[in-house]
């Protein structure tokens, strides 16, 4: 967790996950960031939960197969940090 910027460990759901949220300056900015995250996820074949509401963006990452966190989750979170 120490290598990530602004992520928290969300344990309120049935599966622990990495969580991060943003407030972007506009709807267009939120959509652009959503699309960048989607491209990273596709390239890494690891697909997070991404929620968008106007200028708000939230991401939750976990490995579905193990119902928890793996190196893949931290790798994707670091990649997202590099573009935000």
PDB file of N, CA and C in Angstrom:
ATOM      1  N   UNK A   1       0.817  -1.190   0.000  1.00  0.00           N
ATOM      2  CA  UNK A   1       0.000   0.000   0.000  1.00  0.00           C
ATOM      3  C   UNK A   1       0.866   1.261   0.000  1.00  0.00           C
ATOM      4  N   UNK A   2       2.047   1.166   0.570  1.00  0.00           N
ATOM      5  CA  UNK A   2       2.875   2.364   0.692  1.00  0.00           C
ATOM      6  C   UNK A   2       3.364   2.874  -0.653  1.00  0.00           C
ATOM      7  N   UNK A   3       3.357   2.015  -1.677  1.00  0.00           N
ATOM      8  CA  UNK A   3       3.818   2.465  -2.992  1.00  0.00           C
ATOM      9  C   UNK A   3       2.685   3.091  -3.808  1.00  0.00           C
ATOM     10  N   UNK A   4       1.485   3.139  -3.240  1.00  0.00           N
ATOM     11  CA  UNK A   4       0.334   3.697  -3.949  1.00  0.00           C
ATOM     12  C   UNK A   4       0.007   5.088  -3.425  1.00  0.00           C
ATOM     13  N   UNK A   5      -0.593   5.901  -4.280  1.00  0.00           N
ATOM     14  CA  UNK A   5      -0.916   7.276  -3.919  1.00  0.00           C
ATOM     15  C   UNK A   5      -2.436   7.461  -3.794  1.00  0.00           C
ATOM     16  N   UNK A   6      -2.912   7.632  -2.572  1.00  0.00           N
ATOM     17  CA  UNK A   6      -4.310   7.936  -2.361  1.00  0.00           C
ATOM     18  C   UNK A   6      -5.257   6.752  -2.346  1.00  0.00           C
ATOM     19  N   UNK A   7      -4.748   5.547  -2.426  1.00  0.00           N
ATOM     20  CA  UNK A   7      -5.589   4.353  -2.390  1.00  0.00           C
ATOM     21  C   UNK A   7      -5.838   3.959  -0.942  1.00  0.00           C
ATOM     22  N   UNK A   8      -7.005   3.381  -0.699  1.00  0.00           N
ATOM     23  CA  UNK A   8      -7.310   2.841   0.620  1.00  0.00           C
ATOM     24  C   UNK A   8      -7.710   1.377   0.468  1.00  0.00           C
ATOM     25  N   UNK A   9      -7.614   0.666   1.566  1.00  0.00           N
ATOM     26  CA  UNK A   9      -8.060  -0.719   1.599  1.00  0.00           C
ATOM     27  C   UNK A   9      -9.516  -0.709   2.038  1.00  0.00           C
ATOM     28  N   UNK A  10     -10.397  -1.108   1.153  1.00  0.00           N
ATOM     29  CA  UNK A  10     -11.832  -1.134   1.426  1.00  0.00           C
ATOM     30  C   UNK A  10     -12.203  -2.539   1.878  1.00  0.00           C
ATOM     31  N   UNK A  11     -12.622  -2.653   3.131  1.00  0.00           N
ATOM     32  CA  UNK A  11     -13.019  -3.954   3.669  1.00  0.00           C
ATOM     33  C   UNK A  11     -14.509  -3.977   4.012  1.00  0.00           C
ATOM     34  N   UNK A  12     -15.246  -2.978   3.553  1.00  0.00           N
ATOM     35  CA  UNK A  12     -16.676  -2.900   3.862  1.00  0.00           C
ATOM     36  C   UNK A  12     -17.511  -3.818   2.982  1.00  0.00           C
ATOM     37  N   UNK A  13     -16.966  -4.256   1.869  1.00  0.00           N
ATOM     38  CA  UNK A  13     -17.681  -5.159   0.976  1.00  0.00           C
ATOM     39  C   UNK A  13     -17.290  -6.598   1.312  1.00  0.00           C
ATOM     40  N   UNK A  14     -17.896  -7.549   0.670  1.00  0.00           N
ATOM     41  CA  UNK A  14     -17.629  -8.957   0.969  1.00  0.00           C
ATOM     42  C   UNK A  14     -16.208  -9.379   0.600  1.00  0.00           C
ATOM     43  N   UNK A  15     -15.553  -8.606  -0.261  1.00  0.00           N
ATOM     44  CA  UNK A  15     -14.193  -8.923  -0.689  1.00  0.00           C
ATOM     45  C   UNK A  15     -13.311  -7.697  -0.486  1.00  0.00           C
ATOM     46  N   UNK A  16     -12.165  -7.830   0.190  1.00  0.00           N
ATOM     47  CA  UNK A  16     -11.267  -6.681   0.332  1.00  0.00           C
ATOM     48  C   UNK A  16     -10.820  -6.182  -1.040  1.00  0.00           C
ATOM     49  N   UNK A  17     -10.729  -4.866  -1.175  1.00  0.00           N
ATOM     50  CA  UNK A  17     -10.305  -4.305  -2.454  1.00  0.00           C
ATOM     51  C   UNK A  17      -9.557  -3.000  -2.231  1.00  0.00           C
ATOM     52  N   UNK A  18      -8.844  -2.595  -3.279  1.00  0.00           N
ATOM     53  CA  UNK A  18      -8.216  -1.288  -3.303  1.00  0.00           C
ATOM     54  C   UNK A  18      -9.251  -0.297  -3.811  1.00  0.00           C
ATOM     55  N   UNK A  19      -9.309   0.892  -3.204  1.00  0.00           N
ATOM     56  CA  UNK A  19     -10.306   1.891  -3.561  1.00  0.00           C
ATOM     57  C   UNK A  19      -9.658   3.261  -3.711  1.00  0.00           C
ATOM     58  N   UNK A  20     -10.088   3.979  -4.745  1.00  0.00           N
ATOM     59  CA  UNK A  20      -9.645   5.352  -4.935  1.00  0.00           C
ATOM     60  C   UNK A  20     -10.758   6.117  -5.632  1.00  0.00           C
ATOM     61  N   UNK A  21     -10.884   7.402  -5.266  1.00  0.00           N
ATOM     62  CA  UNK A  21     -11.891   8.239  -5.917  1.00  0.00           C
ATOM     63  C   UNK A  21     -11.271   9.580  -6.306  1.00  0.00           C
ATOM     64  N   UNK A  22     -11.878  10.183  -7.296  1.00  0.00           N
ATOM     65  CA  UNK A  22     -11.441  11.479  -7.803  1.00  0.00           C
ATOM     66  C   UNK A  22     -12.653  12.364  -8.025  1.00  0.00           C
ATOM     67  N   UNK A  23     -12.444  13.663  -7.904  1.00  0.00           N
ATOM     68  CA  UNK A  23     -13.390  14.653  -8.384  1.00  0.00           C
ATOM     69  C   UNK A  23     -12.668  15.413  -9.486  1.00  0.00           C
ATOM     70  N   UNK A  24     -13.178  15.290 -10.684  1.00  0.00           N
ATOM     71  CA  UNK A  24     -12.555  15.908 -11.848  1.00  0.00           C
ATOM     72  C   UNK A  24     -13.220  17.255 -12.128  1.00  0.00           C
ATOM     73  N   UNK A  25     -12.565  18.123 -12.881  1.00  0.00           N
ATOM     74  CA  UNK A  25     -13.107  19.465 -13.106  1.00  0.00           C
ATOM     75  C   UNK A  25     -14.333  19.515 -14.025  1.00  0.00           C
ATOM     76  N   UNK A  26     -14.543  18.457 -14.792  1.00  0.00           N
ATOM     77  CA  UNK A  26     -15.677  18.461 -15.723  1.00  0.00           C
ATOM     78  C   UNK A  26     -16.078  17.032 -16.054  1.00  0.00           C
ATOM     79  N   UNK A  27     -17.257  16.901 -16.639  1.00  0.00           N
ATOM     80  CA  UNK A  27     -17.716  15.595 -17.101  1.00  0.00           C
ATOM     81  C   UNK A  27     -16.757  15.040 -18.149  1.00  0.00           C
ATOM     82  N   UNK A  28     -16.324  15.888 -19.082  1.00  0.00           N
ATOM     83  CA  UNK A  28     -15.388  15.438 -20.120  1.00  0.00           C
ATOM     84  C   UNK A  28     -14.085  14.915 -19.526  1.00  0.00           C
ATOM     85  N   UNK A  29     -13.590  15.572 -18.485  1.00  0.00           N
ATOM     86  CA  UNK A  29     -12.356  15.120 -17.835  1.00  0.00           C
ATOM     87  C   UNK A  29     -12.567  13.767 -17.161  1.00  0.00           C
ATOM     88  N   UNK A  30     -13.725  13.582 -16.542  1.00  0.00           N
ATOM     89  CA  UNK A  30     -14.024  12.292 -15.893  1.00  0.00           C
ATOM     90  C   UNK A  30     -14.113  11.179 -16.933  1.00  0.00           C
ATOM     91  N   UNK A  31     -14.756  11.451 -18.058  1.00  0.00           N
ATOM     92  CA  UNK A  31     -14.865  10.448 -19.128  1.00  0.00           C
ATOM     93  C   UNK A  31     -13.487  10.115 -19.690  1.00  0.00           C
ATOM     94  N   UNK A  32     -12.649  11.124 -19.876  1.00  0.00           N
ATOM     95  CA  UNK A  32     -11.302  10.895 -20.405  1.00  0.00           C
ATOM     96  C   UNK A  32     -10.497  10.016 -19.449  1.00  0.00           C
ATOM     97  N   UNK A  33     -10.581  10.294 -18.147  1.00  0.00           N
ATOM     98  CA  UNK A  33      -9.847   9.478 -17.174  1.00  0.00           C
ATOM     99  C   UNK A  33     -10.422   8.065 -17.119  1.00  0.00           C
ATOM    100  N   UNK A  34     -11.739   7.943 -17.174  1.00  0.00           N
ATOM    101  CA  UNK A  34     -12.384   6.633 -17.220  1.00  0.00           C
ATOM    102  C   UNK A  34     -11.835   5.826 -18.390  1.00  0.00           C
ATOM    103  N   UNK A  35     -11.750   6.453 -19.556  1.00  0.00           N
ATOM    104  CA  UNK A  35     -11.256   5.765 -20.751  1.00  0.00           C
ATOM    105  C   UNK A  35      -9.795   5.359 -20.616  1.00  0.00           C
ATOM    106  N   UNK A  36      -8.976   6.198 -19.989  1.00  0.00           N
ATOM    107  CA  UNK A  36      -7.568   5.839 -19.773  1.00  0.00           C
ATOM    108  C   UNK A  36      -7.461   4.632 -18.844  1.00  0.00           C
ATOM    109  N   UNK A  37      -8.261   4.617 -17.794  1.00  0.00           N
ATOM    110  CA  UNK A  37      -8.264   3.478 -16.869  1.00  0.00           C
ATOM    111  C   UNK A  37      -8.722   2.222 -17.592  1.00  0.00           C
ATOM    112  N   UNK A  38      -9.745   2.363 -18.430  1.00  0.00           N
ATOM    113  CA  UNK A  38     -10.255   1.211 -19.190  1.00  0.00           C
ATOM    114  C   UNK A  38      -9.178   0.644 -20.113  1.00  0.00           C
ATOM    115  N   UNK A  39      -8.401   1.511 -20.756  1.00  0.00           N
ATOM    116  CA  UNK A  39      -7.330   1.047 -21.647  1.00  0.00           C
ATOM    117  C   UNK A  39      -6.254   0.304 -20.866  1.00  0.00           C
ATOM    118  N   UNK A  40      -5.872   0.828 -19.692  1.00  0.00           N
ATOM    119  CA  UNK A  40      -4.890   0.128 -18.851  1.00  0.00           C
ATOM    120  C   UNK A  40      -5.412  -1.241 -18.427  1.00  0.00           C
ATOM    121  N   UNK A  41      -6.657  -1.273 -18.002  1.00  0.00           N
ATOM    122  CA  UNK A  41      -7.255  -2.530 -17.549  1.00  0.00           C
ATOM    123  C   UNK A  41      -7.280  -3.548 -18.674  1.00  0.00           C
ATOM    124  N   UNK A  42      -7.650  -3.113 -19.850  1.00  0.00           N
ATOM    125  CA  UNK A  42      -7.691  -4.021 -20.999  1.00  0.00           C
ATOM    126  C   UNK A  42      -6.293  -4.544 -21.328  1.00  0.00           C
ATOM    127  N   UNK A  43      -5.314  -3.652 -21.318  1.00  0.00           N
ATOM    128  CA  UNK A  43      -3.937  -4.051 -21.635  1.00  0.00           C
ATOM    129  C   UNK A  43      -3.397  -5.055 -20.612  1.00  0.00           C
ATOM    130  N   UNK A  44      -3.820  -4.922 -19.354  1.00  0.00           N
ATOM    131  CA  UNK A  44      -3.341  -5.824 -18.303  1.00  0.00           C
ATOM    132  C   UNK A  44      -4.280  -7.010 -18.097  1.00  0.00           C
ATOM    133  N   UNK A  45      -5.357  -7.055 -18.846  1.00  0.00           N
ATOM    134  CA  UNK A  45      -6.363  -8.113 -18.723  1.00  0.00           C
ATOM    135  C   UNK A  45      -6.800  -8.277 -17.264  1.00  0.00           C
ATOM    136  N   UNK A  46      -7.057  -7.138 -16.652  1.00  0.00           N
ATOM    137  CA  UNK A  46      -7.477  -7.111 -15.243  1.00  0.00           C
ATOM    138  C   UNK A  46      -8.470  -5.964 -15.112  1.00  0.00           C
ATOM    139  N   UNK A  47      -9.722  -6.283 -14.894  1.00  0.00           N
ATOM    140  CA  UNK A  47     -10.793  -5.309 -15.066  1.00  0.00           C
ATOM    141  C   UNK A  47     -11.415  -4.902 -13.729  1.00  0.00           C
ATOM    142  N   UNK A  48     -11.206  -3.645 -13.327  1.00  0.00           N
ATOM    143  CA  UNK A  48     -11.731  -3.161 -12.051  1.00  0.00           C
ATOM    144  C   UNK A  48     -13.196  -2.745 -12.168  1.00  0.00           C
ATOM    145  N   UNK A  49     -13.775  -2.470 -11.038  1.00  0.00           N
ATOM    146  CA  UNK A  49     -15.084  -1.820 -10.999  1.00  0.00           C
ATOM    147  C   UNK A  49     -14.824  -0.327 -11.091  1.00  0.00           C
ATOM    148  N   UNK A  50     -15.398   0.327 -12.084  1.00  0.00           N
ATOM    149  CA  UNK A  50     -15.231   1.768 -12.258  1.00  0.00           C
ATOM    150  C   UNK A  50     -16.618   2.392 -12.287  1.00  0.00           C
ATOM    151  N   UNK A  51     -16.838   3.340 -11.389  1.00  0.00           N
ATOM    152  CA  UNK A  51     -18.116   4.033 -11.320  1.00  0.00           C
ATOM    153  C   UNK A  51     -17.912   5.503 -11.640  1.00  0.00           C
ATOM    154  N   UNK A  52     -18.766   6.033 -12.487  1.00  0.00           N
ATOM    155  CA  UNK A  52     -18.674   7.427 -12.882  1.00  0.00           C
ATOM    156  C   UNK A  52     -20.016   8.111 -12.664  1.00  0.00           C
ATOM    157  N   UNK A  53     -19.978   9.269 -12.040  1.00  0.00           N
ATOM    158  CA  UNK A  53     -21.180  10.076 -11.839  1.00  0.00           C
ATOM    159  C   UNK A  53     -20.801  11.536 -12.019  1.00  0.00           C
ATOM    160  N   UNK A  54     -21.097  12.043 -13.194  1.00  0.00           N
ATOM    161  CA  UNK A  54     -20.788  13.416 -13.592  1.00  0.00           C
ATOM    162  C   UNK A  54     -19.286  13.683 -13.450  1.00  0.00           C
ATOM    163  N   UNK A  55     -18.841  14.364 -12.402  1.00  0.00           N
ATOM    164  CA  UNK A  55     -17.404  14.634 -12.256  1.00  0.00           C
ATOM    165  C   UNK A  55     -16.741  13.708 -11.242  1.00  0.00           C
ATOM    166  N   UNK A  56     -17.497  12.796 -10.671  1.00  0.00           N
ATOM    167  CA  UNK A  56     -16.969  11.856  -9.680  1.00  0.00           C
ATOM    168  C   UNK A  56     -16.585  10.544 -10.359  1.00  0.00           C
ATOM    169  N   UNK A  57     -15.445  10.022  -9.966  1.00  0.00           N
ATOM    170  CA  UNK A  57     -14.972   8.748 -10.499  1.00  0.00           C
ATOM    171  C   UNK A  57     -14.476   7.914  -9.327  1.00  0.00           C
ATOM    172  N   UNK A  58     -14.878   6.641  -9.272  1.00  0.00           N
ATOM    173  CA  UNK A  58     -14.445   5.720  -8.228  1.00  0.00           C
ATOM    174  C   UNK A  58     -13.953   4.430  -8.874  1.00  0.00           C
ATOM    175  N   UNK A  59     -12.883   3.881  -8.300  1.00  0.00           N
ATOM    176  CA  UNK A  59     -12.331   2.617  -8.797  1.00  0.00           C
ATOM    177  C   UNK A  59     -12.142   1.672  -7.621  1.00  0.00           C
ATOM    178  N   UNK A  60     -12.582   0.438  -7.815  1.00  0.00           N
ATOM    179  CA  UNK A  60     -12.323  -0.649  -6.867  1.00  0.00           C
ATOM    180  C   UNK A  60     -11.623  -1.766  -7.635  1.00  0.00           C
ATOM    181  N   UNK A  61     -10.540  -2.263  -7.045  1.00  0.00           N
ATOM    182  CA  UNK A  61      -9.754  -3.310  -7.701  1.00  0.00           C
ATOM    183  C   UNK A  61      -9.599  -4.492  -6.751  1.00  0.00           C
ATOM    184  N   UNK A  62      -9.887  -5.677  -7.252  1.00  0.00           N
ATOM    185  CA  UNK A  62      -9.618  -6.923  -6.545  1.00  0.00           C
ATOM    186  C   UNK A  62      -9.557  -8.033  -7.569  1.00  0.00           C
ATOM    187  N   UNK A  63      -9.019  -9.160  -7.167  1.00  0.00           N
ATOM    188  CA  UNK A  63      -8.926 -10.313  -8.063  1.00  0.00           C
ATOM    189  C   UNK A  63     -10.107 -11.224  -7.768  1.00  0.00           C
ATOM    190  N   UNK A  64     -11.005 -11.317  -8.718  1.00  0.00           N
ATOM    191  CA  UNK A  64     -12.249 -12.062  -8.545  1.00  0.00           C
ATOM    192  C   UNK A  64     -11.994 -13.540  -8.235  1.00  0.00           C
ATOM    193  N   UNK A  65     -11.026 -14.129  -8.923  1.00  0.00           N
ATOM    194  CA  UNK A  65     -10.757 -15.564  -8.762  1.00  0.00           C
ATOM    195  C   UNK A  65     -10.387 -15.952  -7.334  1.00  0.00           C
ATOM    196  N   UNK A  66      -9.662 -15.079  -6.637  1.00  0.00           N
ATOM    197  CA  UNK A  66      -9.215 -15.407  -5.283  1.00  0.00           C
ATOM    198  C   UNK A  66     -10.026 -14.672  -4.216  1.00  0.00           C
ATOM    199  N   UNK A  67     -10.958 -13.849  -4.664  1.00  0.00           N
ATOM    200  CA  UNK A  67     -11.782 -13.053  -3.748  1.00  0.00           C
ATOM    201  C   UNK A  67     -10.925 -12.262  -2.774  1.00  0.00           C
ATOM    202  N   UNK A  68      -9.913 -11.623  -3.322  1.00  0.00           N
ATOM    203  CA  UNK A  68      -9.016 -10.825  -2.508  1.00  0.00           C
ATOM    204  C   UNK A  68      -8.012 -10.105  -3.385  1.00  0.00           C
ATOM    205  N   UNK A  69      -6.921  -9.706  -2.767  1.00  0.00           N
ATOM    206  CA  UNK A  69      -5.904  -8.915  -3.447  1.00  0.00           C
ATOM    207  C   UNK A  69      -4.708  -9.760  -3.853  1.00  0.00           C
ATOM    208  N   UNK A  70      -4.197  -9.474  -5.052  1.00  0.00           N
ATOM    209  CA  UNK A  70      -2.989 -10.126  -5.554  1.00  0.00           C
ATOM    210  C   UNK A  70      -2.071  -9.052  -6.131  1.00  0.00           C
ATOM    211  N   UNK A  71      -0.917  -9.479  -6.599  1.00  0.00           N
ATOM    212  CA  UNK A  71       0.025  -8.554  -7.227  1.00  0.00           C
ATOM    213  C   UNK A  71      -0.592  -7.838  -8.418  1.00  0.00           C
ATOM    214  N   UNK A  72      -1.501  -8.514  -9.127  1.00  0.00           N
ATOM    215  CA  UNK A  72      -2.160  -7.894 -10.287  1.00  0.00           C
ATOM    216  C   UNK A  72      -2.916  -6.632  -9.885  1.00  0.00           C
ATOM    217  N   UNK A  73      -3.508  -6.631  -8.718  1.00  0.00           N
ATOM    218  CA  UNK A  73      -4.275  -5.483  -8.248  1.00  0.00           C
ATOM    219  C   UNK A  73      -3.370  -4.286  -7.983  1.00  0.00           C
ATOM    220  N   UNK A  74      -2.249  -4.552  -7.324  1.00  0.00           N
ATOM    221  CA  UNK A  74      -1.317  -3.478  -7.014  1.00  0.00           C
ATOM    222  C   UNK A  74      -0.647  -2.947  -8.279  1.00  0.00           C
ATOM    223  N   UNK A  75      -0.379  -3.826  -9.224  1.00  0.00           N
ATOM    224  CA  UNK A  75       0.207  -3.399 -10.495  1.00  0.00           C
ATOM    225  C   UNK A  75      -0.749  -2.465 -11.231  1.00  0.00           C
ATOM    226  N   UNK A  76      -2.032  -2.820 -11.296  1.00  0.00           N
ATOM    227  CA  UNK A  76      -3.000  -1.973 -11.973  1.00  0.00           C
ATOM    228  C   UNK A  76      -3.150  -0.637 -11.232  1.00  0.00           C
ATOM    229  N   UNK A  77      -3.195  -0.667  -9.918  1.00  0.00           N
ATOM    230  CA  UNK A  77      -3.313   0.576  -9.143  1.00  0.00           C
ATOM    231  C   UNK A  77      -2.117   1.487  -9.400  1.00  0.00           C
ATOM    232  N   UNK A  78      -0.915   0.938  -9.439  1.00  0.00           N
ATOM    233  CA  UNK A  78       0.284   1.748  -9.744  1.00  0.00           C
ATOM    234  C   UNK A  78       0.201   2.327 -11.151  1.00  0.00           C
ATOM    235  N   UNK A  79      -0.281   1.544 -12.090  1.00  0.00           N
ATOM    236  CA  UNK A  79      -0.429   2.032 -13.459  1.00  0.00           C
ATOM    237  C   UNK A  79      -1.433   3.167 -13.519  1.00  0.00           C
ATOM    238  N   UNK A  80      -2.511   3.056 -12.771  1.00  0.00           N
ATOM    239  CA  UNK A  80      -3.504   4.131 -12.725  1.00  0.00           C
ATOM    240  C   UNK A  80      -2.892   5.378 -12.091  1.00  0.00           C
ATOM    241  N   UNK A  81      -2.094   5.207 -11.038  1.00  0.00           N
ATOM    242  CA  UNK A  81      -1.413   6.341 -10.427  1.00  0.00           C
ATOM    243  C   UNK A  81      -0.532   7.079 -11.427  1.00  0.00           C
ATOM    244  N   UNK A  82       0.072   6.335 -12.342  1.00  0.00           N
ATOM    245  CA  UNK A  82       0.981   6.956 -13.308  1.00  0.00           C
ATOM    246  C   UNK A  82       0.262   7.833 -14.331  1.00  0.00           C
ATOM    247  N   UNK A  83      -1.035   7.636 -14.508  1.00  0.00           N
ATOM    248  CA  UNK A  83      -1.754   8.467 -15.483  1.00  0.00           C
ATOM    249  C   UNK A  83      -2.620   9.546 -14.841  1.00  0.00           C
ATOM    250  N   UNK A  84      -2.745   9.509 -13.510  1.00  0.00           N
ATOM    251  CA  UNK A  84      -3.611  10.498 -12.849  1.00  0.00           C
ATOM    252  C   UNK A  84      -2.812  11.518 -12.086  1.00  0.00           C
TER     253      UNK A  84
END
